[in-house]
Structures are given as C-alpha cells and as structure tokens.
Amino acid sequence: MLQHVSIPNSMIPGNEQFYPISLLMGLLWIWGYCFCIVWWTYTVSIAYNLNFSILPMIIYPFGIVLRDIKKLDDMRVVLKVFKEKCSD
C-alpha cells in the first residue's frame, strides 16, 4: 500500500514526466528492503551466535519458494483464462 501511494505511476497518460521520480522512489524502496534484510540477518546472527553465512542459506530460499509458488498459481490462472477465451 505504501509503495502504491509513494511511487507515482508514470504509465498513466499525462504523468509521463514523473518517470525519474518513479525510478528514484523505486530505488529508495529497494534500498529500504535491502537494509531491513541485512539488519535482520545481522541481528538474528548475533542473537543466536550464528555464523553470518548460515542464516541466509537457511531462511531466504523459503521466501523464494513462496514467491515462485505464487507465480505458478498465477500462471495456472492465466492459462485457464487463455484456454477459455481462445479455445483454438
């Protein structure tokens, strides 16, 4: 929700001049996410006295799997709609 509010949509006709702001805001959001991920990894590694390379190898692949499962579900819906609309 915050991304939708804070990043102007430059694809809307009449808002084409906002693409530099959209790019900058997108980069700031990515920087913020990266900062949170690195901070969280560091804090948890220190709290549990883990090696810094162990936690990302265990936790982050689960996030990627969840993302890919969502993409697979979306692809199945698209293929179903495509098959219904374009039967040939």
N, C-alpha and C. Protein backbone atom coordinates (compact mmCIF):
# COMPACT_ATOMS: atom_id res chain seq x y z
N MET A 1 0.82 -1.19 0.00
CA MET A 1 0.00 0.00 0.00
C MET A 1 0.87 1.26 0.00
N LEU A 2 1.92 1.27 0.82
CA LEU A 2 2.76 2.46 0.88
C LEU A 2 3.50 2.70 -0.44
N GLN A 3 3.88 1.62 -1.12
CA GLN A 3 4.53 1.79 -2.41
C GLN A 3 3.56 2.40 -3.42
N HIS A 4 2.33 1.96 -3.39
CA HIS A 4 1.33 2.48 -4.31
C HIS A 4 1.11 3.98 -4.10
N VAL A 5 1.17 4.40 -2.86
CA VAL A 5 0.95 5.81 -2.53
C VAL A 5 2.20 6.64 -2.81
N SER A 6 3.38 6.10 -2.52
CA SER A 6 4.59 6.92 -2.58
C SER A 6 5.27 6.94 -3.95
N ILE A 7 4.96 6.00 -4.83
CA ILE A 7 5.59 5.97 -6.16
C ILE A 7 4.56 6.40 -7.19
N PRO A 8 4.79 7.52 -7.87
CA PRO A 8 3.82 7.95 -8.89
C PRO A 8 3.84 7.02 -10.09
N ASN A 9 2.67 6.75 -10.64
CA ASN A 9 2.54 5.88 -11.81
C ASN A 9 2.77 6.70 -13.07
N SER A 10 3.92 6.49 -13.70
CA SER A 10 4.24 7.27 -14.91
C SER A 10 3.65 6.64 -16.16
N MET A 11 2.89 5.54 -16.03
CA MET A 11 2.26 4.92 -17.19
C MET A 11 0.88 5.51 -17.48
N ILE A 12 0.36 6.30 -16.56
CA ILE A 12 -0.93 6.95 -16.78
C ILE A 12 -0.72 8.10 -17.76
N PRO A 13 -1.57 8.20 -18.78
CA PRO A 13 -1.41 9.32 -19.73
C PRO A 13 -1.44 10.67 -19.01
N GLY A 14 -0.47 11.49 -19.32
CA GLY A 14 -0.33 12.79 -18.67
C GLY A 14 0.68 12.80 -17.54
N ASN A 15 1.10 11.63 -17.07
CA ASN A 15 2.08 11.54 -15.99
C ASN A 15 3.43 11.03 -16.47
N GLU A 16 3.69 11.09 -17.76
CA GLU A 16 4.94 10.57 -18.30
C GLU A 16 6.16 11.30 -17.74
N GLN A 17 6.00 12.55 -17.35
CA GLN A 17 7.13 13.33 -16.85
C GLN A 17 7.57 12.90 -15.45
N PHE A 18 6.82 12.03 -14.80
CA PHE A 18 7.15 11.59 -13.44
C PHE A 18 8.05 10.35 -13.40
N TYR A 19 8.52 9.86 -14.57
CA TYR A 19 9.30 8.63 -14.54
C TYR A 19 10.60 8.77 -13.76
N PRO A 20 11.32 9.92 -13.74
CA PRO A 20 12.52 9.99 -12.90
C PRO A 20 12.19 9.86 -11.40
N ILE A 21 11.08 10.45 -11.00
CA ILE A 21 10.66 10.34 -9.60
C ILE A 21 10.27 8.90 -9.28
N SER A 22 9.58 8.23 -10.21
CA SER A 22 9.20 6.83 -10.02
C SER A 22 10.44 5.96 -9.87
N LEU A 23 11.44 6.20 -10.71
CA LEU A 23 12.69 5.44 -10.64
C LEU A 23 13.39 5.67 -9.31
N LEU A 24 13.50 6.91 -8.90
CA LEU A 24 14.15 7.23 -7.64
C LEU A 24 13.41 6.63 -6.45
N MET A 25 12.10 6.74 -6.43
CA MET A 25 11.33 6.18 -5.31
C MET A 25 11.43 4.66 -5.28
N GLY A 26 11.43 4.02 -6.47
CA GLY A 26 11.59 2.57 -6.52
C GLY A 26 12.95 2.15 -5.96
N LEU A 27 14.00 2.90 -6.31
CA LEU A 27 15.33 2.61 -5.79
C LEU A 27 15.39 2.79 -4.28
N LEU A 28 14.71 3.82 -3.78
CA LEU A 28 14.68 4.03 -2.32
C LEU A 28 13.96 2.88 -1.61
N TRP A 29 12.87 2.39 -2.19
CA TRP A 29 12.17 1.26 -1.59
C TRP A 29 13.06 0.02 -1.60
N ILE A 30 13.74 -0.24 -2.70
CA ILE A 30 14.65 -1.39 -2.76
C ILE A 30 15.76 -1.25 -1.74
N TRP A 31 16.32 -0.05 -1.60
CA TRP A 31 17.36 0.18 -0.61
C TRP A 31 16.82 -0.10 0.79
N GLY A 32 15.60 0.35 1.06
CA GLY A 32 14.99 0.12 2.37
C GLY A 32 14.79 -1.36 2.66
N TYR A 33 14.31 -2.10 1.66
CA TYR A 33 14.14 -3.55 1.85
C TYR A 33 15.49 -4.22 2.09
N CYS A 34 16.50 -3.86 1.31
CA CYS A 34 17.83 -4.45 1.49
C CYS A 34 18.39 -4.13 2.86
N PHE A 35 18.20 -2.89 3.32
CA PHE A 35 18.67 -2.50 4.65
C PHE A 35 18.00 -3.36 5.72
N CYS A 36 16.68 -3.54 5.62
CA CYS A 36 15.96 -4.34 6.62
C CYS A 36 16.42 -5.79 6.61
N ILE A 37 16.64 -6.35 5.43
CA ILE A 37 17.08 -7.75 5.34
C ILE A 37 18.46 -7.91 5.96
N VAL A 38 19.39 -7.01 5.63
CA VAL A 38 20.74 -7.11 6.18
C VAL A 38 20.72 -6.87 7.69
N TRP A 39 19.96 -5.89 8.13
CA TRP A 39 19.87 -5.61 9.57
C TRP A 39 19.28 -6.80 10.31
N TRP A 40 18.21 -7.38 9.77
CA TRP A 40 17.57 -8.52 10.42
C TRP A 40 18.53 -9.71 10.49
N THR A 41 19.23 -9.98 9.38
CA THR A 41 20.18 -11.09 9.36
C THR A 41 21.28 -10.88 10.39
N TYR A 42 21.81 -9.68 10.45
CA TYR A 42 22.88 -9.38 11.41
C TYR A 42 22.38 -9.53 12.84
N THR A 43 21.21 -9.00 13.14
CA THR A 43 20.68 -9.05 14.50
C THR A 43 20.40 -10.48 14.95
N VAL A 44 19.78 -11.27 14.08
CA VAL A 44 19.48 -12.66 14.44
C VAL A 44 20.77 -13.47 14.57
N SER A 45 21.73 -13.22 13.69
CA SER A 45 23.01 -13.95 13.76
C SER A 45 23.75 -13.64 15.06
N ILE A 46 23.74 -12.39 15.47
CA ILE A 46 24.38 -12.02 16.74
C ILE A 46 23.61 -12.60 17.92
N ALA A 47 22.29 -12.54 17.87
CA ALA A 47 21.46 -13.01 18.99
C ALA A 47 21.64 -14.50 19.24
N TYR A 48 21.73 -15.29 18.17
CA TYR A 48 21.86 -16.74 18.30
C TYR A 48 23.29 -17.23 18.14
N ASN A 49 24.24 -16.30 18.06
CA ASN A 49 25.66 -16.62 17.94
C ASN A 49 25.92 -17.56 16.76
N LEU A 50 25.33 -17.21 15.60
CA LEU A 50 25.48 -18.00 14.38
C LEU A 50 26.56 -17.40 13.49
N ASN A 51 27.06 -18.22 12.60
CA ASN A 51 27.95 -17.72 11.56
C ASN A 51 27.10 -16.89 10.59
N PHE A 52 27.63 -15.80 10.10
CA PHE A 52 26.84 -14.88 9.28
C PHE A 52 26.37 -15.49 7.96
N SER A 53 27.03 -16.52 7.48
CA SER A 53 26.63 -17.10 6.19
C SER A 53 25.58 -18.20 6.34
N ILE A 54 25.30 -18.67 7.54
CA ILE A 54 24.36 -19.78 7.73
C ILE A 54 22.92 -19.32 7.58
N LEU A 55 22.55 -18.24 8.21
CA LEU A 55 21.16 -17.80 8.24
C LEU A 55 20.58 -17.54 6.84
N PRO A 56 21.27 -16.79 5.97
CA PRO A 56 20.70 -16.58 4.64
C PRO A 56 20.53 -17.87 3.84
N MET A 57 21.42 -18.83 4.04
CA MET A 57 21.31 -20.08 3.30
C MET A 57 20.13 -20.91 3.76
N ILE A 58 19.64 -20.68 4.99
CA ILE A 58 18.53 -21.45 5.52
C ILE A 58 17.19 -20.74 5.30
N ILE A 59 17.12 -19.46 5.61
CA ILE A 59 15.85 -18.74 5.62
C ILE A 59 15.43 -18.21 4.25
N TYR A 60 16.32 -17.56 3.53
CA TYR A 60 15.94 -16.86 2.30
C TYR A 60 15.42 -17.77 1.20
N PRO A 61 15.95 -18.99 1.03
CA PRO A 61 15.36 -19.85 -0.01
C PRO A 61 13.88 -20.15 0.20
N PHE A 62 13.42 -20.16 1.46
CA PHE A 62 12.00 -20.38 1.70
C PHE A 62 11.16 -19.22 1.15
N GLY A 63 11.68 -18.01 1.27
CA GLY A 63 10.99 -16.86 0.69
C GLY A 63 10.91 -16.94 -0.81
N ILE A 64 11.97 -17.43 -1.43
CA ILE A 64 11.98 -17.58 -2.89
C ILE A 64 10.99 -18.66 -3.32
N VAL A 65 10.92 -19.74 -2.56
CA VAL A 65 9.97 -20.81 -2.87
C VAL A 65 8.53 -20.29 -2.78
N LEU A 66 8.23 -19.52 -1.73
CA LEU A 66 6.88 -18.96 -1.59
C LEU A 66 6.55 -18.03 -2.75
N ARG A 67 7.52 -17.23 -3.17
CA ARG A 67 7.30 -16.33 -4.31
C ARG A 67 7.04 -17.13 -5.58
N ASP A 68 7.82 -18.19 -5.80
CA ASP A 68 7.67 -18.98 -7.02
C ASP A 68 6.36 -19.76 -7.02
N ILE A 69 5.90 -20.21 -5.85
CA ILE A 69 4.61 -20.89 -5.77
C ILE A 69 3.50 -19.93 -6.18
N LYS A 70 3.58 -18.69 -5.72
CA LYS A 70 2.58 -17.67 -6.10
C LYS A 70 2.61 -17.44 -7.60
N LYS A 71 3.81 -17.35 -8.18
CA LYS A 71 3.92 -17.15 -9.62
C LYS A 71 3.32 -18.34 -10.38
N LEU A 72 3.55 -19.55 -9.89
CA LEU A 72 3.00 -20.74 -10.54
C LEU A 72 1.48 -20.72 -10.48
N ASP A 73 0.91 -20.35 -9.35
CA ASP A 73 -0.55 -20.26 -9.23
C ASP A 73 -1.10 -19.21 -10.19
N ASP A 74 -0.44 -18.06 -10.28
CA ASP A 74 -0.88 -17.02 -11.20
C ASP A 74 -0.81 -17.50 -12.65
N MET A 75 0.24 -18.25 -12.99
CA MET A 75 0.39 -18.77 -14.35
C MET A 75 -0.71 -19.76 -14.68
N ARG A 76 -1.09 -20.58 -13.71
CA ARG A 76 -2.20 -21.53 -13.94
C ARG A 76 -3.51 -20.79 -14.20
N VAL A 77 -3.76 -19.72 -13.48
CA VAL A 77 -4.98 -18.93 -13.69
C VAL A 77 -4.95 -18.31 -15.09
N VAL A 78 -3.81 -17.77 -15.49
CA VAL A 78 -3.68 -17.15 -16.81
C VAL A 78 -3.91 -18.19 -17.90
N LEU A 79 -3.32 -19.37 -17.77
CA LEU A 79 -3.50 -20.41 -18.78
C LEU A 79 -4.96 -20.86 -18.85
N LYS A 80 -5.64 -20.94 -17.71
CA LYS A 80 -7.05 -21.33 -17.69
C LYS A 80 -7.90 -20.28 -18.42
N VAL A 81 -7.67 -19.01 -18.11
CA VAL A 81 -8.43 -17.94 -18.76
C VAL A 81 -8.12 -17.90 -20.25
N PHE A 82 -6.85 -18.06 -20.59
CA PHE A 82 -6.46 -18.06 -22.01
C PHE A 82 -7.12 -19.21 -22.76
N LYS A 83 -7.19 -20.39 -22.13
CA LYS A 83 -7.81 -21.55 -22.77
C LYS A 83 -9.30 -21.32 -22.98
N GLU A 84 -9.96 -20.67 -22.01
CA GLU A 84 -11.39 -20.39 -22.14
C GLU A 84 -11.67 -19.33 -23.18
N LYS A 85 -10.87 -18.31 -23.26
CA LYS A 85 -11.12 -17.20 -24.18
C LYS A 85 -10.69 -17.51 -25.60
N CYS A 86 -9.58 -18.25 -25.73
CA CYS A 86 -9.01 -18.57 -27.06
C CYS A 86 -8.90 -20.09 -27.18
N SER A 87 -10.02 -20.73 -27.51
CA SER A 87 -10.05 -22.19 -27.49
C SER A 87 -9.23 -22.82 -28.61
N ASP A 88 -8.96 -22.10 -29.68
CA ASP A 88 -8.20 -22.69 -30.77
C ASP A 88 -6.74 -22.59 -30.45
